[in-house]
N, C-alpha and C. Protein backbone atom coordinates (compact mmCIF):
# COMPACT_ATOMS: atom_id res chain seq x y z
N MET A 1 0.84 -1.30 0.03
CA MET A 1 0.11 0.18 0.08
C MET A 1 1.00 1.28 -0.09
N LYS A 2 0.51 2.38 -0.58
CA LYS A 2 0.75 3.37 -0.84
C LYS A 2 0.06 4.54 0.18
N PHE A 3 0.50 5.34 0.77
CA PHE A 3 -0.37 6.57 1.56
C PHE A 3 0.31 7.99 1.11
N PRO A 4 -0.52 8.67 1.20
CA PRO A 4 0.17 10.14 1.03
C PRO A 4 0.66 10.71 2.48
N ASN A 5 1.97 11.52 2.49
CA ASN A 5 1.87 12.06 3.83
C ASN A 5 0.99 12.69 4.75
N GLU A 6 -0.42 13.14 4.37
CA GLU A 6 -0.96 13.84 4.81
C GLU A 6 -2.46 13.51 4.61
N TRP A 7 -3.54 13.22 5.21
CA TRP A 7 -5.07 13.22 5.56
C TRP A 7 -5.56 14.23 5.73
N THR A 8 -7.05 14.75 5.32
CA THR A 8 -7.57 15.33 5.88
C THR A 8 -8.60 14.55 6.94
N GLN A 9 -9.51 15.37 7.57
CA GLN A 9 -10.34 14.73 8.52
C GLN A 9 -11.39 13.70 7.78
N LYS A 10 -11.90 14.28 6.68
CA LYS A 10 -12.71 13.33 5.85
C LYS A 10 -11.84 12.33 5.08
N GLU A 11 -10.56 12.22 4.90
CA GLU A 11 -10.04 11.34 4.15
C GLU A 11 -9.85 10.23 4.97
N TYR A 12 -9.30 10.38 6.33
CA TYR A 12 -9.06 9.79 7.61
C TYR A 12 -10.51 8.97 8.13
N LEU A 13 -11.51 9.73 8.07
CA LEU A 13 -12.91 9.00 8.01
C LEU A 13 -13.00 7.92 7.07
N GLN A 14 -12.55 8.37 5.59
CA GLN A 14 -13.05 7.48 4.71
C GLN A 14 -12.30 6.22 4.30
N ASN A 15 -10.81 6.71 4.68
CA ASN A 15 -10.10 5.66 4.79
C ASN A 15 -9.93 4.42 5.74
N LYS A 16 -10.23 5.35 7.13
CA LYS A 16 -10.46 4.31 8.23
C LYS A 16 -11.45 3.44 8.03
N LYS A 17 -12.52 3.50 7.56
CA LYS A 17 -13.89 2.57 7.47
C LYS A 17 -13.14 1.91 6.33
N LYS A 18 -12.62 1.75 5.16
CA LYS A 18 -12.28 1.06 4.08
C LYS A 18 -11.22 0.20 4.54
N LEU A 19 -9.97 0.84 4.99
CA LEU A 19 -9.13 -0.08 5.99
C LEU A 19 -9.51 -1.32 7.02
N GLN A 20 -10.42 -0.55 7.82
CA GLN A 20 -10.94 -1.48 8.62
C GLN A 20 -11.74 -2.82 8.23
N GLU A 21 -12.35 -2.52 6.84
CA GLU A 21 -13.02 -3.69 6.32
C GLU A 21 -12.13 -4.63 6.16
N ILE A 22 -10.92 -4.54 5.50
CA ILE A 22 -9.91 -5.15 4.84
C ILE A 22 -8.87 -5.79 6.11
N GLY A 23 -9.26 -5.25 7.43
CA GLY A 23 -8.43 -5.88 8.30
C GLY A 23 -7.34 -4.81 8.72
N VAL A 24 -7.06 -4.14 8.39
CA VAL A 24 -6.02 -3.04 8.28
C VAL A 24 -6.12 -1.91 9.66
N LYS A 25 -5.32 -2.05 10.87
CA LYS A 25 -5.91 -1.20 12.12
C LYS A 25 -5.09 0.11 11.88
N ILE A 26 -6.11 1.11 11.91
CA ILE A 26 -5.67 2.82 12.06
C ILE A 26 -5.48 3.16 13.46
N PHE A 27 -4.70 3.98 13.94
CA PHE A 27 -4.41 4.71 15.14
C PHE A 27 -4.32 6.20 15.19
N LEU A 28 -5.12 7.11 15.72
CA LEU A 28 -5.05 8.24 15.59
C LEU A 28 -4.19 8.75 16.76
N ILE A 29 -2.96 8.77 16.26
CA ILE A 29 -1.98 9.19 17.27
C ILE A 29 -1.73 10.79 18.10
N ASP A 30 -2.10 10.94 19.50
CA ASP A 30 -1.79 12.27 19.84
C ASP A 30 -0.60 12.17 20.07
N THR A 31 0.13 13.70 19.40
CA THR A 31 1.39 14.03 19.67
C THR A 31 1.66 15.08 20.83
N ILE A 32 0.40 15.65 21.10
CA ILE A 32 0.18 16.95 21.99
C ILE A 32 -0.50 16.89 23.47
N LEU A 33 -0.19 15.80 23.89
CA LEU A 33 -1.50 15.05 25.28
C LEU A 33 -2.39 16.08 25.32
N SER A 34 -3.18 15.97 24.05
CA SER A 34 -4.54 16.60 24.13
C SER A 34 -5.59 15.72 23.33
N PRO A 35 -6.45 14.87 23.59
CA PRO A 35 -7.14 14.01 23.13
C PRO A 35 -8.50 14.96 22.30
N ILE A 36 -8.71 14.24 21.21
CA ILE A 36 -10.02 14.87 20.18
C ILE A 36 -11.14 14.38 20.86
N GLU A 37 -11.81 15.46 21.12
CA GLU A 37 -12.98 15.23 21.70
C GLU A 37 -14.13 13.98 20.56
N ASN A 38 -14.89 13.15 20.94
CA ASN A 38 -15.62 12.39 20.09
C ASN A 38 -14.75 11.34 19.30
N ALA A 39 -13.19 11.05 19.59
CA ALA A 39 -12.54 10.31 18.51
C ALA A 39 -11.80 9.73 19.29
N GLN A 40 -11.38 8.41 19.31
CA GLN A 40 -10.47 7.27 19.69
C GLN A 40 -8.90 7.83 19.28
N THR A 41 -8.34 8.14 20.28
CA THR A 41 -6.89 8.57 20.17
C THR A 41 -5.87 7.76 21.02
N MET A 42 -4.95 7.76 20.74
CA MET A 42 -3.79 6.84 21.48
C MET A 42 -2.66 7.91 21.47
N THR A 43 -2.08 8.03 22.89
CA THR A 43 -1.03 9.24 23.30
C THR A 43 0.27 8.08 22.55
N TYR A 44 1.07 9.41 21.89
CA TYR A 44 2.59 8.85 21.24
C TYR A 44 3.43 8.43 22.24
N ASN A 45 3.55 7.04 22.17
CA ASN A 45 4.41 6.11 22.99
C ASN A 45 4.99 5.04 21.99
N PRO A 46 6.12 5.65 21.83
CA PRO A 46 6.74 4.47 20.40
C PRO A 46 7.39 3.32 21.22
N TYR A 47 7.40 3.05 22.34
CA TYR A 47 7.55 1.77 22.88
C TYR A 47 6.21 0.81 22.68
N GLU A 48 5.34 1.32 22.97
CA GLU A 48 3.93 0.74 22.96
C GLU A 48 3.77 0.67 21.75
N MET A 49 3.72 1.87 20.66
CA MET A 49 3.51 1.78 19.10
C MET A 49 4.51 0.70 18.58
N THR A 50 5.61 0.31 18.68
CA THR A 50 6.01 -0.91 17.90
C THR A 50 5.55 -2.26 18.06
N LYS A 51 4.83 -2.43 19.51
CA LYS A 51 3.86 -3.30 19.21
C LYS A 51 2.61 -3.95 18.70
N LEU A 52 2.48 -2.91 18.29
CA LEU A 52 1.19 -2.80 17.04
C LEU A 52 1.32 -3.73 16.19
N PRO A 53 0.30 -4.37 15.77
CA PRO A 53 0.53 -5.23 14.15
C PRO A 53 1.11 -4.38 12.92
N HIS A 54 2.20 -5.13 12.56
CA HIS A 54 2.99 -4.61 11.27
C HIS A 54 1.72 -4.47 10.26
N GLY A 55 2.12 -2.85 9.28
CA GLY A 55 0.96 -2.88 8.64
C GLY A 55 -0.09 -1.95 9.27
N SER A 56 0.03 -1.52 10.30
CA SER A 56 -1.04 -1.00 10.91
C SER A 56 -0.23 0.85 10.33
N VAL A 57 -1.72 1.42 10.41
CA VAL A 57 -1.28 2.97 10.08
C VAL A 57 -1.82 3.70 11.07
N PHE A 58 -0.81 4.77 11.32
CA PHE A 58 -0.71 5.82 12.21
C PHE A 58 -1.15 6.96 11.67
N VAL A 59 -1.96 8.00 12.27
CA VAL A 59 -2.18 9.12 11.48
C VAL A 59 -1.78 10.16 12.95
N PHE A 60 -0.73 10.55 13.03
CA PHE A 60 -0.43 11.44 13.63
C PHE A 60 -0.93 12.97 13.94
N TYR A 61 -1.24 13.91 15.07
CA TYR A 61 -1.99 14.98 14.63
C TYR A 61 -1.31 15.81 15.99
N CYS A 62 -1.38 17.16 15.31
CA CYS A 62 -1.12 18.15 16.62
C CYS A 62 -1.84 19.21 16.77
N ASP A 63 -1.27 20.53 16.91
CA ASP A 63 -2.48 21.35 17.20
C ASP A 63 -3.03 21.83 15.79
N SER A 64 -1.86 22.04 14.83
CA SER A 64 -1.96 22.83 13.73
C SER A 64 -1.64 21.68 12.22
N GLY A 65 -1.24 20.48 12.52
CA GLY A 65 -0.62 19.66 11.65
C GLY A 65 0.71 19.80 11.18
N LYS A 66 1.14 21.13 11.46
CA LYS A 66 2.35 21.29 10.67
C LYS A 66 3.85 20.79 11.45
N SER A 67 3.48 20.90 12.47
CA SER A 67 4.78 19.98 13.66
C SER A 67 4.87 18.41 13.17
N THR A 68 3.63 17.76 12.74
CA THR A 68 3.61 16.51 12.49
C THR A 68 3.79 16.34 11.15
N LEU A 69 3.31 17.01 10.19
CA LEU A 69 4.03 17.06 8.48
C LEU A 69 5.76 17.06 8.60
N TYR A 70 6.10 18.03 9.20
CA TYR A 70 7.46 18.49 9.53
C TYR A 70 8.12 17.08 9.95
N ARG A 71 7.77 16.48 10.61
CA ARG A 71 8.43 15.38 11.55
C ARG A 71 7.88 13.92 10.73
N ILE A 72 7.06 14.17 9.72
CA ILE A 72 6.65 12.64 9.12
C ILE A 72 7.84 11.64 8.72
N ASP A 73 8.87 12.35 8.22
CA ASP A 73 9.90 11.57 7.53
C ASP A 73 10.55 10.75 8.84
N GLU A 74 10.63 11.48 10.00
CA GLU A 74 11.45 10.71 11.36
C GLU A 74 10.44 9.94 11.79
N TYR A 75 8.99 10.27 11.86
CA TYR A 75 8.02 8.94 12.25
C TYR A 75 8.30 7.72 11.33
N LYS A 76 8.29 7.76 9.90
CA LYS A 76 8.53 6.80 9.00
C LYS A 76 9.73 6.04 9.28
N LYS A 77 10.51 6.75 9.66
CA LYS A 77 12.10 5.81 9.95
C LYS A 77 11.89 5.32 11.64
N LYS A 78 11.48 5.84 12.40
CA LYS A 78 11.04 5.17 13.48
C LYS A 78 9.88 3.80 13.58
N PHE A 79 8.99 3.89 12.75
CA PHE A 79 8.07 2.69 12.68
C PHE A 79 8.44 2.11 11.34
N PRO A 80 9.44 1.38 10.69
CA PRO A 80 9.39 1.27 9.42
C PRO A 80 8.39 0.06 9.00
N HIS A 81 8.00 -0.73 10.17
CA HIS A 81 6.77 -1.78 9.73
C HIS A 81 5.49 -1.10 9.45
N HIS A 82 5.23 0.01 9.66
CA HIS A 82 4.17 0.87 10.06
C HIS A 82 3.77 1.72 8.61
N TYR A 83 2.39 2.36 8.86
CA TYR A 83 2.71 3.40 7.72
C TYR A 83 2.08 4.68 8.78
N CYS A 84 2.81 5.98 8.37
CA CYS A 84 2.55 6.84 9.05
C CYS A 84 2.28 8.18 8.48
N ILE A 85 1.30 8.91 8.74
CA ILE A 85 0.68 10.28 7.85
C ILE A 85 0.11 11.02 8.93
N SER A 86 0.36 12.34 8.52
CA SER A 86 -0.03 13.38 9.35
C SER A 86 -1.38 13.90 9.03
N LEU A 87 -2.30 14.35 10.09
CA LEU A 87 -3.52 14.75 9.76
C LEU A 87 -3.55 16.33 9.95
N LYS A 88 -4.05 16.75 8.17
CA LYS A 88 -4.03 17.87 8.05
C LYS A 88 -4.55 18.89 9.11
N GLY A 89 -4.42 19.97 9.43
CA GLY A 89 -4.95 20.86 10.06
C GLY A 89 -4.93 20.68 11.41
N GLY A 90 -4.40 19.18 11.73
CA GLY A 90 -4.36 18.83 13.26
C GLY A 90 -5.62 19.09 14.08
N ARG A 91 -5.46 18.80 15.30
CA ARG A 91 -6.52 19.36 16.24
C ARG A 91 -7.55 20.34 15.73
N GLY A 92 -7.11 21.68 15.33
CA GLY A 92 -7.61 22.86 15.31
C GLY A 92 -8.87 22.89 14.09
N TYR A 93 -8.21 21.70 13.27
CA TYR A 93 -9.30 21.48 12.06
C TYR A 93 -10.43 20.67 12.40
N TRP A 94 -10.35 19.68 13.59
CA TRP A 94 -11.15 18.47 13.48
C TRP A 94 -12.59 19.01 13.78
N ARG A 95 -13.69 18.50 13.45
CA ARG A 95 -14.89 18.36 13.25
C ARG A 95 -15.48 17.21 14.05
N LYS A 96 -15.82 17.69 15.45
CA LYS A 96 -16.29 16.61 16.07
C LYS A 96 -17.74 15.73 15.68
N ASN A 97 -18.52 16.91 14.98
CA ASN A 97 -19.46 15.98 14.46
C ASN A 97 -19.54 15.50 13.01
N MET A 98 -18.28 15.30 12.56
CA MET A 98 -18.41 14.97 11.16
C MET A 98 -18.18 13.57 10.86
N THR A 99 -19.32 12.90 10.24
CA THR A 99 -19.31 11.38 9.93
C THR A 99 -19.23 11.09 8.55
N ILE A 100 -19.51 10.29 7.86
CA ILE A 100 -18.91 9.77 6.74
C ILE A 100 -20.12 8.66 6.31
N PHE A 101 -20.94 8.90 5.27
CA PHE A 101 -22.36 8.25 5.07
C PHE A 101 -21.70 7.01 3.77
N ASP A 102 -22.32 6.00 3.68
CA ASP A 102 -22.11 5.31 2.75
C ASP A 102 -22.89 5.91 1.19
N ASP A 103 -22.19 5.41 0.37
CA ASP A 103 -22.84 6.30 -0.95
C ASP A 103 -24.15 5.28 -1.29
C-alpha cells in the first residue's frame, strides 16, 4: 500500500472505514497530550506503538498539523513496519460532529 504524507479529517474517516473492512488497523496518534473529543486517540508512545501489528496506519496529529507533517519522515524511520501519515490541520481543524455516510 502507498499513502500520502497527509490526510484531511474526511480522508481519515473514509480510509479508516475502508481499511478496517480489510483488517488494517488505524490509530489516531496524539502528539500533544490533548485528545480529540469524540475520537478514539492513542497517546504517542514509541515503545507501545512498535508492539502494534505490522502494516497498521498511524495518523499523527498536533494542534495545527504543521509539526507532525514536518516530522513525518522521522516517524517513518522510527516505525518502518507501519504507515505514517499527518492529519492535515491537526486538532484545530477537527470537526467533532463530522461523519461519513455510505454512497
